[in-house]
Amino acid sequence: MGDFLRLGVGIGWRAEIDLTVERLPGVDFAEVVAEHLHPPHLPESLQVLRSRGLPVVPHGVSLGVGDAARPSAVRLAHLAACAEALGSPLVSEHLAFVRAGGLEAGHLLPVPRTREALGVIVENVRQAQDSLPVPLALENVAALFGWPEDELTDAQFLTELVERTDVLLLIDVANLYTNQVNLGLSALDALDDLPLERLAYVHVAGGEEHAGIWHDTHTHAVPEPVLEVLAELCARTSPPGVLLEWDDDYPSDAALAAELGRIRKVVGHGP
């Protein structure tokens, strides 16, 4: 595994639970959606966390490194400003496309896993890396579909992208589980094939099933099968960080603390 910053166990900072994140025991780092920030005027809660020495990672959702067009200089400048304002150790984004022809998809869509698409994305990632003051980590997405012309598996695509750009990885084990349930793609096979030596940190989140389809809602407790995928990842490598995502229908402080405790137990940071 690479010599990366040990982040520990963290939680996604949201304005609705800012005071909760401040007072939760044992939070080692936080992540904030970059599009929710105005870097010259950071929320007081994030300033409090930074004053304690907690790493805070800006997490982008709209850059679109999988788009055919080059990444927006404005969006890259915003990510860079967020990283600088927060003193962040890295920036994370998604390996996804989000717009085409001036139209916003409104979702993180899977990229075509073809050699041609890989060449475009390699250049997009290099441009993003050149524009950021800190390393970039890319997250695997939960796919709603697979492209019929796919030539590579998701893991093969990520491996080649890492080899050609040296980009870091943010592995979302909940997304691996979602793809396993909805598309029949083995989460364990993915873990065996992913270049985990480039792992920066990990996402875990809850969801729910409707009519045989798993919805990665980020509004429920982390299910045991997702924790099992996390355990399998930990059996293969020691993740530098593991972060709980919760984006709506926020539970009590005690419930969030319990979720962090369940994660700590899996990664060996708790009883």
C-alpha atoms as a PDB file:
ATOM      1  CA  MET A   1       0.000   0.000   0.000  1.00  0.00           C
ATOM      2  CA  GLY A   2       1.156   3.540  -0.733  1.00  0.00           C
ATOM      3  CA  ASP A   3       2.467   5.816   2.001  1.00  0.00           C
ATOM      4  CA  PHE A   4      -0.694   7.891   2.348  1.00  0.00           C
ATOM      5  CA  LEU A   5      -2.041  10.009   5.176  1.00  0.00           C
ATOM      6  CA  ARG A   6      -3.744   7.917   7.837  1.00  0.00           C
ATOM      7  CA  LEU A   7      -7.163   9.526   8.059  1.00  0.00           C
ATOM      8  CA  GLY A   8      -8.894   7.075  10.400  1.00  0.00           C
ATOM      9  CA  VAL A   9     -12.701   6.893  10.623  1.00  0.00           C
ATOM     10  CA  GLY A  10     -14.728   9.902   9.557  1.00  0.00           C
ATOM     11  CA  ILE A  11     -18.116  11.247   8.569  1.00  0.00           C
ATOM     12  CA  GLY A  12     -19.483  13.427   5.825  1.00  0.00           C
ATOM     13  CA  TRP A  13     -20.010  16.989   7.072  1.00  0.00           C
ATOM     14  CA  ARG A  14     -23.409  18.425   6.190  1.00  0.00           C
ATOM     15  CA  ALA A  15     -24.826  21.775   7.281  1.00  0.00           C
ATOM     16  CA  GLU A  16     -27.842  19.982   8.806  1.00  0.00           C
ATOM     17  CA  ILE A  17     -25.605  18.041  11.216  1.00  0.00           C
ATOM     18  CA  ASP A  18     -22.747  20.497  11.668  1.00  0.00           C
ATOM     19  CA  LEU A  19     -22.990  20.610  15.468  1.00  0.00           C
ATOM     20  CA  THR A  20     -23.416  16.830  15.570  1.00  0.00           C
ATOM     21  CA  VAL A  21     -20.167  16.316  13.652  1.00  0.00           C
ATOM     22  CA  GLU A  22     -18.421  18.726  16.024  1.00  0.00           C
ATOM     23  CA  ARG A  23     -19.461  16.820  19.135  1.00  0.00           C
ATOM     24  CA  LEU A  24     -19.398  13.204  17.920  1.00  0.00           C
ATOM     25  CA  PRO A  25     -16.645  11.320  19.754  1.00  0.00           C
ATOM     26  CA  GLY A  26     -13.864   9.689  17.777  1.00  0.00           C
ATOM     27  CA  VAL A  27     -14.332  11.476  14.452  1.00  0.00           C
ATOM     28  CA  ASP A  28     -10.875  11.462  12.845  1.00  0.00           C
ATOM     29  CA  PHE A  29     -11.659  13.346   9.632  1.00  0.00           C
ATOM     30  CA  ALA A  30     -14.517  14.820   7.653  1.00  0.00           C
ATOM     31  CA  GLU A  31     -15.532  15.258   4.045  1.00  0.00           C
ATOM     32  CA  VAL A  32     -17.586  18.124   2.640  1.00  0.00           C
ATOM     33  CA  VAL A  33     -19.345  18.460  -0.722  1.00  0.00           C
ATOM     34  CA  ALA A  34     -17.247  21.047  -2.530  1.00  0.00           C
ATOM     35  CA  GLU A  35     -20.199  22.536  -4.389  1.00  0.00           C
ATOM     36  CA  HIS A  36     -21.725  23.506  -1.035  1.00  0.00           C
ATOM     37  CA  LEU A  37     -18.758  25.689  -0.081  1.00  0.00           C
ATOM     38  CA  HIS A  38     -17.798  29.313  -0.681  1.00  0.00           C
ATOM     39  CA  PRO A  39     -14.076  29.114   0.163  1.00  0.00           C
ATOM     40  CA  PRO A  40     -13.610  32.742   1.306  1.00  0.00           C
ATOM     41  CA  HIS A  41     -16.341  32.239   3.905  1.00  0.00           C
ATOM     42  CA  LEU A  42     -16.162  28.738   5.342  1.00  0.00           C
ATOM     43  CA  PRO A  43     -18.934  27.683   7.740  1.00  0.00           C
ATOM     44  CA  GLU A  44     -17.954  28.235  11.352  1.00  0.00           C
ATOM     45  CA  SER A  45     -18.339  24.536  12.108  1.00  0.00           C
ATOM     46  CA  LEU A  46     -15.708  23.605   9.511  1.00  0.00           C
ATOM     47  CA  GLN A  47     -13.424  26.243  10.955  1.00  0.00           C
ATOM     48  CA  VAL A  48     -13.876  24.641  14.378  1.00  0.00           C
ATOM     49  CA  LEU A  49     -12.969  21.222  13.007  1.00  0.00           C
ATOM     50  CA  ARG A  50      -9.896  22.581  11.273  1.00  0.00           C
ATOM     51  CA  SER A  51      -8.807  24.405  14.438  1.00  0.00           C
ATOM     52  CA  ARG A  52      -8.754  21.003  16.132  1.00  0.00           C
ATOM     53  CA  GLY A  53      -6.456  19.657  13.429  1.00  0.00           C
ATOM     54  CA  LEU A  54      -9.115  17.446  11.804  1.00  0.00           C
ATOM     55  CA  PRO A  55      -8.431  16.851   8.096  1.00  0.00           C
ATOM     56  CA  VAL A  56     -11.364  17.945   5.912  1.00  0.00           C
ATOM     57  CA  VAL A  57     -11.538  16.652   2.334  1.00  0.00           C
ATOM     58  CA  PRO A  58     -13.492  18.534  -0.382  1.00  0.00           C
ATOM     59  CA  HIS A  59     -15.583  16.035  -2.339  1.00  0.00           C
ATOM     60  CA  GLY A  60     -16.737  17.184  -5.772  1.00  0.00           C
ATOM     61  CA  VAL A  61     -19.853  15.937  -7.556  1.00  0.00           C
ATOM     62  CA  SER A  62     -19.982  18.022 -10.741  1.00  0.00           C
ATOM     63  CA  LEU A  63     -16.528  18.021 -12.363  1.00  0.00           C
ATOM     64  CA  GLY A  64     -17.321  15.227 -14.804  1.00  0.00           C
ATOM     65  CA  VAL A  65     -13.898  13.768 -15.586  1.00  0.00           C
ATOM     66  CA  GLY A  66     -15.746  11.184 -17.686  1.00  0.00           C
ATOM     67  CA  ASP A  67     -17.219  13.811 -19.998  1.00  0.00           C
ATOM     68  CA  ALA A  68     -16.013  14.044 -23.583  1.00  0.00           C
ATOM     69  CA  ALA A  69     -15.236  17.736 -23.032  1.00  0.00           C
ATOM     70  CA  ARG A  70     -12.277  18.839 -20.942  1.00  0.00           C
ATOM     71  CA  PRO A  71     -12.973  19.670 -17.273  1.00  0.00           C
ATOM     72  CA  SER A  72     -14.211  23.167 -16.575  1.00  0.00           C
ATOM     73  CA  ALA A  73     -11.446  25.539 -15.487  1.00  0.00           C
ATOM     74  CA  VAL A  74     -13.966  27.273 -13.223  1.00  0.00           C
ATOM     75  CA  ARG A  75     -14.893  24.033 -11.466  1.00  0.00           C
ATOM     76  CA  LEU A  76     -11.243  23.063 -11.097  1.00  0.00           C
ATOM     77  CA  ALA A  77     -10.416  26.481  -9.650  1.00  0.00           C
ATOM     78  CA  HIS A  78     -13.239  26.056  -7.136  1.00  0.00           C
ATOM     79  CA  LEU A  79     -11.951  22.650  -6.053  1.00  0.00           C
ATOM     80  CA  ALA A  80      -8.456  24.085  -5.699  1.00  0.00           C
ATOM     81  CA  ALA A  81      -9.764  27.006  -3.636  1.00  0.00           C
ATOM     82  CA  CYS A  82     -11.691  24.621  -1.373  1.00  0.00           C
ATOM     83  CA  ALA A  83      -8.571  22.528  -0.782  1.00  0.00           C
ATOM     84  CA  GLU A  84      -6.491  25.600   0.007  1.00  0.00           C
ATOM     85  CA  ALA A  85      -9.093  27.153   2.322  1.00  0.00           C
ATOM     86  CA  LEU A  86      -9.448  23.894   4.255  1.00  0.00           C
ATOM     87  CA  GLY A  87      -5.776  22.957   4.225  1.00  0.00           C
ATOM     88  CA  SER A  88      -6.896  19.633   2.764  1.00  0.00           C
ATOM     89  CA  PRO A  89      -4.570  16.668   2.167  1.00  0.00           C
ATOM     90  CA  LEU A  90      -6.394  15.721  -1.062  1.00  0.00           C
ATOM     91  CA  VAL A  91      -9.470  16.346  -3.202  1.00  0.00           C
ATOM     92  CA  SER A  92     -11.904  13.634  -4.283  1.00  0.00           C
ATOM     93  CA  GLU A  93     -14.294  13.402  -7.214  1.00  0.00           C
ATOM     94  CA  HIS A  94     -16.175  10.717  -9.156  1.00  0.00           C
ATOM     95  CA  LEU A  95     -15.196   8.685 -12.192  1.00  0.00           C
ATOM     96  CA  ALA A  96     -18.419   9.592 -13.958  1.00  0.00           C
ATOM     97  CA  PHE A  97     -19.865  11.723 -16.674  1.00  0.00           C
ATOM     98  CA  VAL A  98     -22.477  14.264 -15.681  1.00  0.00           C
ATOM     99  CA  ARG A  99     -23.210  16.346 -18.787  1.00  0.00           C
ATOM    100  CA  ALA A 100     -23.108  16.294 -22.580  1.00  0.00           C
ATOM    101  CA  GLY A 101     -23.997  18.820 -25.230  1.00  0.00           C
ATOM    102  CA  GLY A 102     -24.671  21.432 -22.574  1.00  0.00           C
ATOM    103  CA  LEU A 103     -27.258  19.242 -20.831  1.00  0.00           C
ATOM    104  CA  GLU A 104     -26.830  18.204 -17.181  1.00  0.00           C
ATOM    105  CA  ALA A 105     -27.618  14.558 -16.475  1.00  0.00           C
ATOM    106  CA  GLY A 106     -28.520  15.223 -12.853  1.00  0.00           C
ATOM    107  CA  HIS A 107     -26.805  11.990 -11.903  1.00  0.00           C
ATOM    108  CA  LEU A 108     -23.358  10.415 -11.685  1.00  0.00           C
ATOM    109  CA  LEU A 109     -23.453   8.186 -14.747  1.00  0.00           C
ATOM    110  CA  PRO A 110     -20.987   5.378 -15.535  1.00  0.00           C
ATOM    111  CA  VAL A 111     -18.424   6.049 -18.229  1.00  0.00           C
ATOM    112  CA  PRO A 112     -18.158   3.784 -21.287  1.00  0.00           C
ATOM    113  CA  ARG A 113     -15.339   1.396 -20.420  1.00  0.00           C
ATOM    114  CA  THR A 114     -13.693   1.477 -23.823  1.00  0.00           C
ATOM    115  CA  ARG A 115     -10.101   2.181 -24.867  1.00  0.00           C
ATOM    116  CA  GLU A 116     -11.253   5.327 -26.637  1.00  0.00           C
ATOM    117  CA  ALA A 117     -13.047   6.652 -23.553  1.00  0.00           C
ATOM    118  CA  LEU A 118     -10.046   5.746 -21.397  1.00  0.00           C
ATOM    119  CA  GLY A 119      -7.789   7.908 -23.543  1.00  0.00           C
ATOM    120  CA  VAL A 120     -10.106  10.905 -23.110  1.00  0.00           C
ATOM    121  CA  ILE A 121     -10.427  10.392 -19.371  1.00  0.00           C
ATOM    122  CA  VAL A 122      -6.665  10.041 -18.903  1.00  0.00           C
ATOM    123  CA  GLU A 123      -6.228  13.523 -20.396  1.00  0.00           C
ATOM    124  CA  ASN A 124      -9.091  14.914 -18.295  1.00  0.00           C
ATOM    125  CA  VAL A 125      -7.582  13.484 -15.118  1.00  0.00           C
ATOM    126  CA  ARG A 126      -4.125  14.846 -15.956  1.00  0.00           C
ATOM    127  CA  GLN A 127      -5.608  18.297 -16.516  1.00  0.00           C
ATOM    128  CA  ALA A 128      -7.416  18.091 -13.171  1.00  0.00           C
ATOM    129  CA  GLN A 129      -4.243  16.975 -11.403  1.00  0.00           C
ATOM    130  CA  ASP A 130      -2.271  19.851 -12.924  1.00  0.00           C
ATOM    131  CA  SER A 131      -4.899  22.322 -11.670  1.00  0.00           C
ATOM    132  CA  LEU A 132      -5.088  21.103  -8.071  1.00  0.00           C
ATOM    133  CA  PRO A 133      -2.654  21.914  -5.249  1.00  0.00           C
ATOM    134  CA  VAL A 134      -3.113  18.461  -3.682  1.00  0.00           C
ATOM    135  CA  PRO A 135      -3.537  14.887  -4.971  1.00  0.00           C
ATOM    136  CA  LEU A 136      -6.803  13.805  -6.619  1.00  0.00           C
ATOM    137  CA  ALA A 137      -8.744  10.665  -5.685  1.00  0.00           C
ATOM    138  CA  LEU A 138     -11.487   9.270  -7.926  1.00  0.00           C
ATOM    139  CA  GLU A 139     -14.524   7.351  -6.685  1.00  0.00           C
ATOM    140  CA  ASN A 140     -16.205   4.367  -8.336  1.00  0.00           C
ATOM    141  CA  VAL A 141     -19.909   4.994  -8.925  1.00  0.00           C
ATOM    142  CA  ALA A 142     -23.037   2.887  -8.539  1.00  0.00           C
ATOM    143  CA  ALA A 143     -23.972   2.089 -12.127  1.00  0.00           C
ATOM    144  CA  LEU A 144     -27.566   2.254 -13.288  1.00  0.00           C
ATOM    145  CA  PHE A 145     -26.590   0.412 -16.470  1.00  0.00           C
ATOM    146  CA  GLY A 146     -23.635  -0.912 -18.435  1.00  0.00           C
ATOM    147  CA  TRP A 147     -22.685   0.351 -21.888  1.00  0.00           C
ATOM    148  CA  PRO A 148     -23.067  -2.340 -24.584  1.00  0.00           C
ATOM    149  CA  GLU A 149     -19.672  -1.480 -26.096  1.00  0.00           C
ATOM    150  CA  ASP A 150     -17.744  -1.899 -22.814  1.00  0.00           C
ATOM    151  CA  GLU A 151     -14.352  -3.519 -23.401  1.00  0.00           C
ATOM    152  CA  LEU A 152     -13.063  -3.517 -19.807  1.00  0.00           C
ATOM    153  CA  THR A 153     -14.448  -4.271 -16.383  1.00  0.00           C
ATOM    154  CA  ASP A 154     -14.728  -1.387 -13.940  1.00  0.00           C
ATOM    155  CA  ALA A 155     -11.666  -2.676 -12.064  1.00  0.00           C
ATOM    156  CA  GLN A 156      -9.628  -3.061 -15.265  1.00  0.00           C
ATOM    157  CA  PHE A 157     -10.591   0.439 -16.347  1.00  0.00           C
ATOM    158  CA  LEU A 158      -9.604   1.918 -12.980  1.00  0.00           C
ATOM    159  CA  THR A 159      -6.344  -0.037 -12.956  1.00  0.00           C
ATOM    160  CA  GLU A 160      -5.279   1.286 -16.351  1.00  0.00           C
ATOM    161  CA  LEU A 161      -6.342   4.799 -15.375  1.00  0.00           C
ATOM    162  CA  VAL A 162      -4.207   4.587 -12.231  1.00  0.00           C
ATOM    163  CA  GLU A 163      -1.234   3.237 -14.183  1.00  0.00           C
ATOM    164  CA  ARG A 164      -1.409   6.067 -16.706  1.00  0.00           C
ATOM    165  CA  THR A 165      -2.135   8.980 -14.333  1.00  0.00           C
ATOM    166  CA  ASP A 166      -1.049   7.840 -10.846  1.00  0.00           C
ATOM    167  CA  VAL A 167      -4.419   9.089  -9.579  1.00  0.00           C
ATOM    168  CA  LEU A 168      -5.580   7.924  -6.143  1.00  0.00           C
ATOM    169  CA  LEU A 169      -8.728   5.879  -5.535  1.00  0.00           C
ATOM    170  CA  LEU A 170     -11.722   6.478  -3.307  1.00  0.00           C
ATOM    171  CA  ILE A 171     -13.452   3.105  -3.146  1.00  0.00           C
ATOM    172  CA  ASP A 172     -17.134   3.191  -2.229  1.00  0.00           C
ATOM    173  CA  VAL A 173     -17.957  -0.279  -0.915  1.00  0.00           C
ATOM    174  CA  ALA A 174     -21.675   0.568  -0.883  1.00  0.00           C
ATOM    175  CA  ASN A 175     -21.436   1.232  -4.624  1.00  0.00           C
ATOM    176  CA  LEU A 176     -19.703  -2.120  -5.119  1.00  0.00           C
ATOM    177  CA  TYR A 177     -22.567  -3.778  -3.240  1.00  0.00           C
ATOM    178  CA  THR A 178     -25.145  -1.823  -5.275  1.00  0.00           C
ATOM    179  CA  ASN A 179     -23.587  -3.008  -8.531  1.00  0.00           C
ATOM    180  CA  GLN A 180     -23.523  -6.567  -7.216  1.00  0.00           C
ATOM    181  CA  VAL A 181     -27.246  -6.550  -6.381  1.00  0.00           C
ATOM    182  CA  ASN A 182     -28.465  -4.620  -9.398  1.00  0.00           C
ATOM    183  CA  LEU A 183     -26.069  -5.727 -12.146  1.00  0.00           C
ATOM    184  CA  GLY A 184     -24.696  -9.035 -10.863  1.00  0.00           C
ATOM    185  CA  LEU A 185     -21.124  -7.685 -10.675  1.00  0.00           C
ATOM    186  CA  SER A 186     -19.224  -9.448  -7.909  1.00  0.00           C
ATOM    187  CA  ALA A 187     -17.957  -7.033  -5.256  1.00  0.00           C
ATOM    188  CA  LEU A 188     -15.282  -9.520  -4.211  1.00  0.00           C
ATOM    189  CA  ASP A 189     -14.014  -9.914  -7.777  1.00  0.00           C
ATOM    190  CA  ALA A 190     -13.765  -6.139  -7.994  1.00  0.00           C
ATOM    191  CA  LEU A 191     -11.765  -5.979  -4.765  1.00  0.00           C
ATOM    192  CA  ASP A 192      -9.422  -8.671  -6.076  1.00  0.00           C
ATOM    193  CA  ASP A 193      -8.796  -6.710  -9.283  1.00  0.00           C
ATOM    194  CA  LEU A 194      -8.675  -3.104  -8.061  1.00  0.00           C
ATOM    195  CA  PRO A 195      -5.251  -1.451  -7.519  1.00  0.00           C
ATOM    196  CA  LEU A 196      -5.743  -1.100  -3.753  1.00  0.00           C
ATOM    197  CA  GLU A 197      -2.162   0.093  -3.358  1.00  0.00           C
ATOM    198  CA  ARG A 198      -3.476   3.476  -4.599  1.00  0.00           C
ATOM    199  CA  LEU A 199      -6.325   3.607  -2.080  1.00  0.00           C
ATOM    200  CA  ALA A 200      -6.752   7.032  -0.441  1.00  0.00           C
ATOM    201  CA  TYR A 201      -9.892   6.258   1.569  1.00  0.00           C
ATOM    202  CA  VAL A 202     -13.204   4.402   1.541  1.00  0.00           C
ATOM    203  CA  HIS A 203     -16.892   5.355   1.562  1.00  0.00           C
ATOM    204  CA  VAL A 204     -19.622   3.373   3.311  1.00  0.00           C
ATOM    205  CA  ALA A 205     -23.323   4.201   3.283  1.00  0.00           C
ATOM    206  CA  GLY A 206     -26.756   2.737   3.766  1.00  0.00           C
ATOM    207  CA  GLY A 207     -29.591   2.166   1.356  1.00  0.00           C
ATOM    208  CA  GLU A 208     -32.749   0.156   0.884  1.00  0.00           C
ATOM    209  CA  GLU A 209     -34.182  -2.415  -1.497  1.00  0.00           C
ATOM    210  CA  HIS A 210     -37.373  -1.978  -3.500  1.00  0.00           C
ATOM    211  CA  ALA A 211     -38.661  -4.701  -5.816  1.00  0.00           C
ATOM    212  CA  GLY A 212     -35.260  -6.354  -5.983  1.00  0.00           C
ATOM    213  CA  ILE A 213     -33.418  -3.115  -6.806  1.00  0.00           C
ATOM    214  CA  TRP A 214     -30.927  -1.673  -4.309  1.00  0.00           C
ATOM    215  CA  HIS A 215     -31.146   2.093  -3.890  1.00  0.00           C
ATOM    216  CA  ASP A 216     -27.992   3.719  -2.525  1.00  0.00           C
ATOM    217  CA  THR A 217     -29.908   6.390  -0.598  1.00  0.00           C
ATOM    218  CA  HIS A 218     -27.366   7.444   2.053  1.00  0.00           C
ATOM    219  CA  THR A 219     -30.347   7.761   4.418  1.00  0.00           C
ATOM    220  CA  HIS A 220     -30.249   4.466   6.298  1.00  0.00           C
ATOM    221  CA  ALA A 221     -27.978   2.525   8.591  1.00  0.00           C
ATOM    222  CA  VAL A 222     -25.194   0.663   6.803  1.00  0.00           C
ATOM    223  CA  PRO A 223     -26.485  -2.863   6.075  1.00  0.00           C
ATOM    224  CA  GLU A 224     -24.468  -5.877   7.133  1.00  0.00           C
ATOM    225  CA  PRO A 225     -23.680  -6.922   3.516  1.00  0.00           C
ATOM    226  CA  VAL A 226     -21.977  -3.553   2.911  1.00  0.00           C
ATOM    227  CA  LEU A 227     -19.959  -3.972   6.108  1.00  0.00           C
ATOM    228  CA  GLU A 228     -19.005  -7.432   4.872  1.00  0.00           C
ATOM    229  CA  VAL A 229     -17.625  -5.899   1.667  1.00  0.00           C
ATOM    230  CA  LEU A 230     -15.703  -3.432   3.858  1.00  0.00           C
ATOM    231  CA  ALA A 231     -14.332  -6.348   5.877  1.00  0.00           C
ATOM    232  CA  GLU A 232     -13.213  -8.066   2.672  1.00  0.00           C
ATOM    233  CA  LEU A 233     -11.437  -4.887   1.604  1.00  0.00           C
ATOM    234  CA  CYS A 234      -9.731  -4.689   5.016  1.00  0.00           C
ATOM    235  CA  ALA A 235      -8.615  -8.301   4.612  1.00  0.00           C
ATOM    236  CA  ARG A 236      -6.763  -7.242   1.453  1.00  0.00           C
ATOM    237  CA  THR A 237      -5.304  -3.923   2.633  1.00  0.00           C
ATOM    238  CA  SER A 238      -5.377  -1.461   5.517  1.00  0.00           C
ATOM    239  CA  PRO A 239      -7.470   1.479   4.276  1.00  0.00           C
ATOM    240  CA  PRO A 240      -5.998   4.876   5.208  1.00  0.00           C
ATOM    241  CA  GLY A 241      -9.486   6.142   5.984  1.00  0.00           C
ATOM    242  CA  VAL A 242     -13.117   5.020   6.061  1.00  0.00           C
ATOM    243  CA  LEU A 243     -15.915   7.585   5.904  1.00  0.00           C
ATOM    244  CA  LEU A 244     -19.642   7.287   6.632  1.00  0.00           C
ATOM    245  CA  GLU A 245     -21.929   9.108   4.195  1.00  0.00           C
ATOM    246  CA  TRP A 246     -25.387  10.209   5.409  1.00  0.00           C
ATOM    247  CA  ASP A 247     -27.202  12.770   3.274  1.00  0.00           C
ATOM    248  CA  ASP A 248     -30.812  13.143   4.496  1.00  0.00           C
ATOM    249  CA  ASP A 249     -33.295  11.924   7.123  1.00  0.00           C
ATOM    250  CA  TYR A 250     -30.568  12.422   9.702  1.00  0.00           C
ATOM    251  CA  PRO A 251     -30.848  10.253  12.830  1.00  0.00           C
ATOM    252  CA  SER A 252     -29.865  11.102  16.380  1.00  0.00           C
ATOM    253  CA  ASP A 253     -26.312  11.755  17.501  1.00  0.00           C
ATOM    254  CA  ALA A 254     -26.399   8.398  19.261  1.00  0.00           C
ATOM    255  CA  ALA A 255     -27.409   6.587  16.068  1.00  0.00           C
ATOM    256  CA  LEU A 256     -24.600   8.207  14.064  1.00  0.00           C
ATOM    257  CA  ALA A 257     -22.113   7.409  16.833  1.00  0.00           C
ATOM    258  CA  ALA A 258     -23.294   3.799  16.737  1.00  0.00           C
ATOM    259  CA  GLU A 259     -22.761   3.663  12.968  1.00  0.00           C
ATOM    260  CA  LEU A 260     -19.218   4.961  13.376  1.00  0.00           C
ATOM    261  CA  GLY A 261     -18.693   2.330  16.061  1.00  0.00           C
ATOM    262  CA  ARG A 262     -19.808  -0.439  13.716  1.00  0.00           C
ATOM    263  CA  ILE A 263     -17.336   0.811  11.105  1.00  0.00           C
ATOM    264  CA  ARG A 264     -14.517   1.065  13.638  1.00  0.00           C
ATOM    265  CA  LYS A 265     -15.145  -2.519  14.710  1.00  0.00           C
ATOM    266  CA  VAL A 266     -14.789  -3.749  11.126  1.00  0.00           C
ATOM    267  CA  VAL A 267     -11.589  -1.836  10.419  1.00  0.00           C
ATOM    268  CA  GLY A 268     -10.081  -2.772  13.770  1.00  0.00           C
ATOM    269  CA  HIS A 269     -10.195   0.667  15.385  1.00  0.00           C
ATOM    270  CA  GLY A 270     -12.734  -0.235  18.022  1.00  0.00           C
ATOM    271  CA  PRO A 271     -13.962  -2.991  20.392  1.00  0.00           C
END
